[in-house]
Each structure stands twice: as structure tokens, then as C-alpha cells.
Amino acid sequence: PKDRFEAFHHFLGTRNLYQNAVILPDAVETIKKL
């Protein structure tokens, strides 16, 4: 919601968004071949 948007981005700034990233299927294996 717009009234929570600024608070959300402050919350987002406290996180590492890649700590629990989900690797897409076959990405690593295919990139290694490429």
C-alpha cells in the first residue's frame, strides 16, 4: 500500500536480498556449459 511504501523500503534496506535467493532451474549447470 502507498501509505506503507516508504516503511517497506526502509525495511528492505536492512536485508540481504541474495541471502536466500532462489536459483532458477538448470541455471548454474547451463551457465557452466556456456
All heavy atoms as atom14 arrays in JSON, in Angstrom:
{
  "sequence": "PKDRFEAFHHFLGTRNLYQNAVILPDAVETIKKL",
  "atom14_mask": [
    [1, 1, 1, 1, 1, 1, 1, 0, 0, 0, 0, 0, 0, 0],
    [1, 1, 1, 1, 1, 1, 1, 1, 1, 0, 0, 0, 0, 0],
    [1, 1, 1, 1, 1, 1, 1, 1, 0, 0, 0, 0, 0, 0],
    [1, 1, 1, 1, 1, 1, 1, 1, 1, 1, 1, 0, 0, 0],
    [1, 1, 1, 1, 1, 1, 1, 1, 1, 1, 1, 0, 0, 0],
    [1, 1, 1, 1, 1, 1, 1, 1, 1, 0, 0, 0, 0, 0],
    [1, 1, 1, 1, 1, 0, 0, 0, 0, 0, 0, 0, 0, 0],
    [1, 1, 1, 1, 1, 1, 1, 1, 1, 1, 1, 0, 0, 0],
    [1, 1, 1, 1, 1, 1, 1, 1, 1, 1, 0, 0, 0, 0],
    [1, 1, 1, 1, 1, 1, 1, 1, 1, 1, 0, 0, 0, 0],
    [1, 1, 1, 1, 1, 1, 1, 1, 1, 1, 1, 0, 0, 0],
    [1, 1, 1, 1, 1, 1, 1, 1, 0, 0, 0, 0, 0, 0],
    [1, 1, 1, 1, 0, 0, 0, 0, 0, 0, 0, 0, 0, 0],
    [1, 1, 1, 1, 1, 1, 1, 0, 0, 0, 0, 0, 0, 0],
    [1, 1, 1, 1, 1, 1, 1, 1, 1, 1, 1, 0, 0, 0],
    [1, 1, 1, 1, 1, 1, 1, 1, 0, 0, 0, 0, 0, 0],
    [1, 1, 1, 1, 1, 1, 1, 1, 0, 0, 0, 0, 0, 0],
    [1, 1, 1, 1, 1, 1, 1, 1, 1, 1, 1, 1, 0, 0],
    [1, 1, 1, 1, 1, 1, 1, 1, 1, 0, 0, 0, 0, 0],
    [1, 1, 1, 1, 1, 1, 1, 1, 0, 0, 0, 0, 0, 0],
    [1, 1, 1, 1, 1, 0, 0, 0, 0, 0, 0, 0, 0, 0],
    [1, 1, 1, 1, 1, 1, 1, 0, 0, 0, 0, 0, 0, 0],
    [1, 1, 1, 1, 1, 1, 1, 1, 0, 0, 0, 0, 0, 0],
    [1, 1, 1, 1, 1, 1, 1, 1, 0, 0, 0, 0, 0, 0],
    [1, 1, 1, 1, 1, 1, 1, 0, 0, 0, 0, 0, 0, 0],
    [1, 1, 1, 1, 1, 1, 1, 1, 0, 0, 0, 0, 0, 0],
    [1, 1, 1, 1, 1, 0, 0, 0, 0, 0, 0, 0, 0, 0],
    [1, 1, 1, 1, 1, 1, 1, 0, 0, 0, 0, 0, 0, 0],
    [1, 1, 1, 1, 1, 1, 1, 1, 1, 0, 0, 0, 0, 0],
    [1, 1, 1, 1, 1, 1, 1, 0, 0, 0, 0, 0, 0, 0],
    [1, 1, 1, 1, 1, 1, 1, 1, 0, 0, 0, 0, 0, 0],
    [1, 1, 1, 1, 1, 1, 1, 1, 1, 0, 0, 0, 0, 0],
    [1, 1, 1, 1, 1, 1, 1, 1, 1, 0, 0, 0, 0, 0],
    [1, 1, 1, 1, 1, 1, 1, 1, 0, 0, 0, 0, 0, 0]
  ],
  "atom14_positions": [
    [[0.84, -1.21, 0.0], [0.0, 0.0, 0.0], [0.87, 1.26, 0.0], [1.95, 1.28, 0.6], [-0.79, -0.12, 1.32], [-0.75, -1.57, 1.67], [0.56, -2.09, 1.14], [0.0, 0.0, 0.0], [0.0, 0.0, 0.0], [0.0, 0.0, 0.0], [0.0, 0.0, 0.0], [0.0, 0.0, 0.0], [0.0, 0.0, 0.0], [0.0, 0.0, 0.0]],
    [[0.38, 2.29, -0.69], [1.16, 3.52, -0.83], [1.56, 4.12, 0.51], [2.66, 4.66, 0.66], [0.38, 4.55, -1.64], [0.31, 4.21, -3.12], [-0.39, 5.28, -3.92], [-0.44, 4.86, -5.38], [-1.15, 5.82, -6.21], [0.0, 0.0, 0.0], [0.0, 0.0, 0.0], [0.0, 0.0, 0.0], [0.0, 0.0, 0.0], [0.0, 0.0, 0.0]],
    [[0.68, 4.01, 1.51], [1.0, 4.61, 2.81], [2.04, 3.82, 3.59], [2.54, 4.29, 4.61], [-0.27, 4.8, 3.65], [-0.96, 3.48, 4.0], [-0.74, 2.48, 3.28], [-1.73, 3.46, 4.98], [0.0, 0.0, 0.0], [0.0, 0.0, 0.0], [0.0, 0.0, 0.0], [0.0, 0.0, 0.0], [0.0, 0.0, 0.0], [0.0, 0.0, 0.0]],
    [[2.4, 2.63, 3.09], [3.43, 1.81, 3.76], [4.68, 1.65, 2.9], [5.61, 0.95, 3.28], [2.86, 0.43, 4.12], [1.65, 0.51, 5.06], [1.2, -0.86, 5.49], [2.2, -1.46, 6.37], [2.21, -2.77, 6.7], [1.29, -3.58, 6.23], [3.14, -3.26, 7.49], [0.0, 0.0, 0.0], [0.0, 0.0, 0.0], [0.0, 0.0, 0.0]],
    [[4.67, 2.29, 1.73], [5.74, 2.12, 0.75], [7.1, 2.56, 1.29], [8.09, 1.84, 1.17], [5.4, 2.9, -0.52], [6.08, 2.38, -1.75], [5.69, 1.19, -2.32], [7.11, 3.09, -2.34], [6.31, 0.71, -3.47], [7.74, 2.63, -3.49], [7.34, 1.43, -4.04], [0.0, 0.0, 0.0], [0.0, 0.0, 0.0], [0.0, 0.0, 0.0]],
    [[7.15, 3.72, 1.92], [8.41, 4.22, 2.46], [8.91, 3.31, 3.58], [10.11, 2.99, 3.64], [8.23, 5.65, 2.99], [9.53, 6.31, 3.38], [9.35, 7.76, 3.8], [8.39, 8.42, 3.35], [10.2, 8.22, 4.59], [0.0, 0.0, 0.0], [0.0, 0.0, 0.0], [0.0, 0.0, 0.0], [0.0, 0.0, 0.0], [0.0, 0.0, 0.0]],
    [[8.02, 2.85, 4.45], [8.4, 1.95, 5.54], [8.91, 0.62, 4.98], [9.87, 0.04, 5.51], [7.21, 1.71, 6.47], [0.0, 0.0, 0.0], [0.0, 0.0, 0.0], [0.0, 0.0, 0.0], [0.0, 0.0, 0.0], [0.0, 0.0, 0.0], [0.0, 0.0, 0.0], [0.0, 0.0, 0.0], [0.0, 0.0, 0.0], [0.0, 0.0, 0.0]],
    [[8.28, 0.15, 3.89], [8.73, -1.09, 3.28], [10.16, -0.96, 2.77], [11.0, -1.83, 2.99], [7.81, -1.52, 2.13], [8.38, -2.65, 1.32], [8.49, -3.92, 1.86], [8.85, -2.45, 0.03], [9.04, -4.98, 1.12], [9.39, -3.48, -0.71], [9.48, -4.75, -0.16], [0.0, 0.0, 0.0], [0.0, 0.0, 0.0], [0.0, 0.0, 0.0]],
    [[10.48, 0.14, 2.12], [11.82, 0.3, 1.58], [12.87, 0.53, 2.67], [14.02, 0.14, 2.51], [11.85, 1.36, 0.49], [11.31, 0.81, -0.8], [12.05, -0.01, -1.62], [10.08, 0.89, -1.37], [11.32, -0.39, -2.64], [10.12, 0.13, -2.51], [0.0, 0.0, 0.0], [0.0, 0.0, 0.0], [0.0, 0.0, 0.0], [0.0, 0.0, 0.0]],
    [[12.46, 1.09, 3.78], [13.36, 1.16, 4.94], [13.63, -0.26, 5.45], [14.77, -0.63, 5.72], [12.76, 2.03, 6.05], [13.62, 2.05, 7.28], [14.8, 2.76, 7.35], [13.47, 1.42, 8.48], [15.35, 2.57, 8.55], [14.56, 1.76, 9.24], [0.0, 0.0, 0.0], [0.0, 0.0, 0.0], [0.0, 0.0, 0.0], [0.0, 0.0, 0.0]],
    [[12.58, -1.08, 5.54], [12.69, -2.49, 5.95], [13.59, -3.25, 4.97], [14.46, -4.02, 5.38], [11.28, -3.09, 6.0], [11.23, -4.58, 6.13], [11.47, -5.19, 7.35], [10.91, -5.37, 5.04], [11.4, -6.57, 7.47], [10.83, -6.75, 5.15], [11.09, -7.35, 6.37], [0.0, 0.0, 0.0], [0.0, 0.0, 0.0], [0.0, 0.0, 0.0]],
    [[13.38, -3.0, 3.69], [14.17, -3.67, 2.65], [15.66, -3.36, 2.8], [16.51, -4.22, 2.57], [13.67, -3.2, 1.28], [13.88, -4.11, 0.09], [13.19, -5.44, 0.28], [13.37, -3.42, -1.17], [0.0, 0.0, 0.0], [0.0, 0.0, 0.0], [0.0, 0.0, 0.0], [0.0, 0.0, 0.0], [0.0, 0.0, 0.0], [0.0, 0.0, 0.0]],
    [[15.96, -2.13, 3.21], [17.35, -1.7, 3.37], [18.09, -2.43, 4.47], [19.32, -2.37, 4.55], [0.0, 0.0, 0.0], [0.0, 0.0, 0.0], [0.0, 0.0, 0.0], [0.0, 0.0, 0.0], [0.0, 0.0, 0.0], [0.0, 0.0, 0.0], [0.0, 0.0, 0.0], [0.0, 0.0, 0.0], [0.0, 0.0, 0.0], [0.0, 0.0, 0.0]],
    [[17.38, -3.15, 5.33], [18.01, -3.9, 6.42], [18.32, -5.33, 6.03], [18.86, -6.08, 6.83], [17.1, -3.92, 7.67], [15.92, -4.7, 7.38], [16.69, -2.51, 8.08], [0.0, 0.0, 0.0], [0.0, 0.0, 0.0], [0.0, 0.0, 0.0], [0.0, 0.0, 0.0], [0.0, 0.0, 0.0], [0.0, 0.0, 0.0], [0.0, 0.0, 0.0]],
    [[17.97, -5.72, 4.81], [18.07, -7.14, 4.41], [19.11, -7.36, 3.31], [19.4, -6.46, 2.53], [16.71, -7.62, 3.9], [15.59, -7.48, 4.91], [14.25, -7.83, 4.29], [14.17, -9.22, 3.91], [13.75, -10.2, 4.7], [13.39, -9.93, 5.93], [13.7, -11.44, 4.27], [0.0, 0.0, 0.0], [0.0, 0.0, 0.0], [0.0, 0.0, 0.0]],
    [[19.62, -8.58, 3.25], [20.42, -9.04, 2.12], [19.48, -9.85, 1.23], [19.13, -10.98, 1.56], [21.59, -9.9, 2.59], [22.38, -10.5, 1.44], [22.0, -10.38, 0.28], [23.45, -11.17, 1.77], [0.0, 0.0, 0.0], [0.0, 0.0, 0.0], [0.0, 0.0, 0.0], [0.0, 0.0, 0.0], [0.0, 0.0, 0.0], [0.0, 0.0, 0.0]],
    [[19.07, -9.27, 0.12], [18.08, -9.92, -0.75], [18.62, -11.18, -1.43], [17.85, -11.95, -1.99], [17.58, -8.93, -1.8], [16.81, -7.74, -1.24], [16.38, -6.82, -2.37], [15.61, -8.18, -0.43], [0.0, 0.0, 0.0], [0.0, 0.0, 0.0], [0.0, 0.0, 0.0], [0.0, 0.0, 0.0], [0.0, 0.0, 0.0], [0.0, 0.0, 0.0]],
    [[19.92, -11.37, -1.38], [20.51, -12.55, -2.03], [20.86, -13.67, -1.05], [21.35, -14.72, -1.46], [21.73, -12.13, -2.86], [21.3, -11.23, -3.97], [21.29, -9.85, -3.81], [20.83, -11.75, -5.17], [20.83, -9.01, -4.81], [20.36, -10.92, -6.17], [20.36, -9.56, -5.98], [19.89, -8.74, -6.97], [0.0, 0.0, 0.0], [0.0, 0.0, 0.0]],
    [[20.58, -13.44, 0.21], [20.9, -14.45, 1.23], [20.11, -15.74, 0.99], [20.63, -16.84, 1.17], [20.61, -13.9, 2.62], [21.07, -14.8, 3.74], [20.94, -14.12, 5.09], [20.48, -12.99, 5.21], [21.36, -14.81, 6.12], [0.0, 0.0, 0.0], [0.0, 0.0, 0.0], [0.0, 0.0, 0.0], [0.0, 0.0, 0.0], [0.0, 0.0, 0.0]],
    [[18.85, -15.6, 0.59], [18.01, -16.77, 0.34], [17.48, -16.76, -1.09], [16.35, -17.19, -1.34], [16.83, -16.8, 1.32], [17.29, -16.92, 2.76], [18.12, -17.76, 3.07], [16.78, -16.07, 3.63], [0.0, 0.0, 0.0], [0.0, 0.0, 0.0], [0.0, 0.0, 0.0], [0.0, 0.0, 0.0], [0.0, 0.0, 0.0], [0.0, 0.0, 0.0]],
    [[18.3, -16.28, -2.01], [17.88, -16.23, -3.41], [17.55, -17.64, -3.92], [18.19, -18.61, -3.52], [18.97, -15.61, -4.27], [0.0, 0.0, 0.0], [0.0, 0.0, 0.0], [0.0, 0.0, 0.0], [0.0, 0.0, 0.0], [0.0, 0.0, 0.0], [0.0, 0.0, 0.0], [0.0, 0.0, 0.0], [0.0, 0.0, 0.0], [0.0, 0.0, 0.0]],
    [[16.56, -17.71, -4.79], [16.16, -18.98, -5.38], [16.77, -19.07, -6.78], [16.44, -18.27, -7.67], [14.61, -19.08, -5.48], [14.21, -20.36, -6.18], [13.99, -18.99, -4.09], [0.0, 0.0, 0.0], [0.0, 0.0, 0.0], [0.0, 0.0, 0.0], [0.0, 0.0, 0.0], [0.0, 0.0, 0.0], [0.0, 0.0, 0.0], [0.0, 0.0, 0.0]],
    [[17.68, -20.02, -6.95], [18.31, -20.22, -8.26], [17.29, -20.85, -9.2], [16.63, -21.83, -8.84], [19.54, -21.16, -8.15], [20.5, -20.71, -7.06], [20.23, -21.31, -9.49], [21.29, -19.5, -7.38], [0.0, 0.0, 0.0], [0.0, 0.0, 0.0], [0.0, 0.0, 0.0], [0.0, 0.0, 0.0], [0.0, 0.0, 0.0], [0.0, 0.0, 0.0]],
    [[17.16, -20.3, -10.4], [16.2, -20.85, -11.35], [16.67, -22.21, -11.87], [17.89, -22.46, -11.96], [15.98, -19.87, -12.49], [15.34, -18.55, -12.06], [15.02, -17.69, -13.27], [14.09, -18.76, -11.25], [0.0, 0.0, 0.0], [0.0, 0.0, 0.0], [0.0, 0.0, 0.0], [0.0, 0.0, 0.0], [0.0, 0.0, 0.0], [0.0, 0.0, 0.0]],
    [[15.72, -23.1, -12.17], [16.08, -24.46, -12.59], [17.08, -24.47, -13.75], [16.9, -23.76, -14.74], [14.73, -25.05, -13.02], [13.72, -24.29, -12.24], [14.27, -22.89, -12.12], [0.0, 0.0, 0.0], [0.0, 0.0, 0.0], [0.0, 0.0, 0.0], [0.0, 0.0, 0.0], [0.0, 0.0, 0.0], [0.0, 0.0, 0.0], [0.0, 0.0, 0.0]],
    [[18.11, -25.29, -13.58], [19.15, -25.54, -14.6], [20.05, -24.34, -14.89], [20.9, -24.4, -15.79], [18.54, -26.04, -15.92], [17.69, -27.28, -15.72], [18.23, -28.28, -15.23], [16.48, -27.23, -16.01], [0.0, 0.0, 0.0], [0.0, 0.0, 0.0], [0.0, 0.0, 0.0], [0.0, 0.0, 0.0], [0.0, 0.0, 0.0], [0.0, 0.0, 0.0]],
    [[19.91, -23.25, -14.14], [20.71, -22.04, -14.42], [22.2, -22.31, -14.26], [22.99, -22.04, -15.17], [20.26, -20.89, -13.52], [0.0, 0.0, 0.0], [0.0, 0.0, 0.0], [0.0, 0.0, 0.0], [0.0, 0.0, 0.0], [0.0, 0.0, 0.0], [0.0, 0.0, 0.0], [0.0, 0.0, 0.0], [0.0, 0.0, 0.0], [0.0, 0.0, 0.0]],
    [[22.61, -22.8, -13.1], [24.04, -22.96, -12.83], [24.67, -23.95, -13.81], [25.73, -23.67, -14.38], [24.28, -23.4, -11.36], [25.75, -23.73, -11.13], [23.82, -22.31, -10.4], [0.0, 0.0, 0.0], [0.0, 0.0, 0.0], [0.0, 0.0, 0.0], [0.0, 0.0, 0.0], [0.0, 0.0, 0.0], [0.0, 0.0, 0.0], [0.0, 0.0, 0.0]],
    [[24.0, -25.07, -14.02], [24.55, -26.1, -14.92], [24.69, -25.57, -16.35], [25.71, -25.81, -17.01], [23.64, -27.34, -14.92], [23.49, -28.02, -13.57], [22.46, -27.37, -12.65], [21.83, -26.36, -13.03], [22.3, -27.86, -11.52], [0.0, 0.0, 0.0], [0.0, 0.0, 0.0], [0.0, 0.0, 0.0], [0.0, 0.0, 0.0], [0.0, 0.0, 0.0]],
    [[23.68, -24.85, -16.81], [23.73, -24.35, -18.19], [24.76, -23.24, -18.33], [25.51, -23.2, -19.32], [22.33, -23.84, -18.62], [21.38, -24.89, -18.43], [22.34, -23.41, -20.08], [0.0, 0.0, 0.0], [0.0, 0.0, 0.0], [0.0, 0.0, 0.0], [0.0, 0.0, 0.0], [0.0, 0.0, 0.0], [0.0, 0.0, 0.0], [0.0, 0.0, 0.0]],
    [[24.83, -22.34, -17.36], [25.82, -21.26, -17.42], [27.24, -21.84, -17.41], [28.13, -21.35, -18.11], [25.62, -20.25, -16.28], [24.28, -19.52, -16.46], [26.76, -19.23, -16.21], [23.83, -18.74, -15.25], [0.0, 0.0, 0.0], [0.0, 0.0, 0.0], [0.0, 0.0, 0.0], [0.0, 0.0, 0.0], [0.0, 0.0, 0.0], [0.0, 0.0, 0.0]],
    [[27.43, -22.9, -16.64], [28.75, -23.55, -16.61], [29.1, -24.09, -18.0], [30.24, -23.93, -18.47], [28.74, -24.67, -15.57], [30.12, -25.19, -15.25], [30.09, -26.08, -14.02], [31.51, -26.38, -13.58], [31.56, -27.17, -12.35], [0.0, 0.0, 0.0], [0.0, 0.0, 0.0], [0.0, 0.0, 0.0], [0.0, 0.0, 0.0], [0.0, 0.0, 0.0]],
    [[28.14, -24.71, -18.67], [28.38, -25.22, -20.03], [28.64, -24.06, -21.0], [29.54, -24.14, -21.85], [27.17, -26.02, -20.52], [26.97, -27.35, -19.81], [25.7, -28.02, -20.35], [25.29, -29.19, -19.49], [23.99, -29.74, -19.94], [0.0, 0.0, 0.0], [0.0, 0.0, 0.0], [0.0, 0.0, 0.0], [0.0, 0.0, 0.0], [0.0, 0.0, 0.0]],
    [[27.85, -23.01, -20.88], [28.02, -21.85, -21.76], [29.4, -21.22, -21.57], [30.03, -20.77, -22.53], [26.95, -20.8, -21.48], [25.52, -21.11, -21.92], [24.55, -20.07, -21.37], [25.42, -21.2, -23.43], [0.0, 0.0, 0.0], [0.0, 0.0, 0.0], [0.0, 0.0, 0.0], [0.0, 0.0, 0.0], [0.0, 0.0, 0.0], [0.0, 0.0, 0.0]]
  ]
}
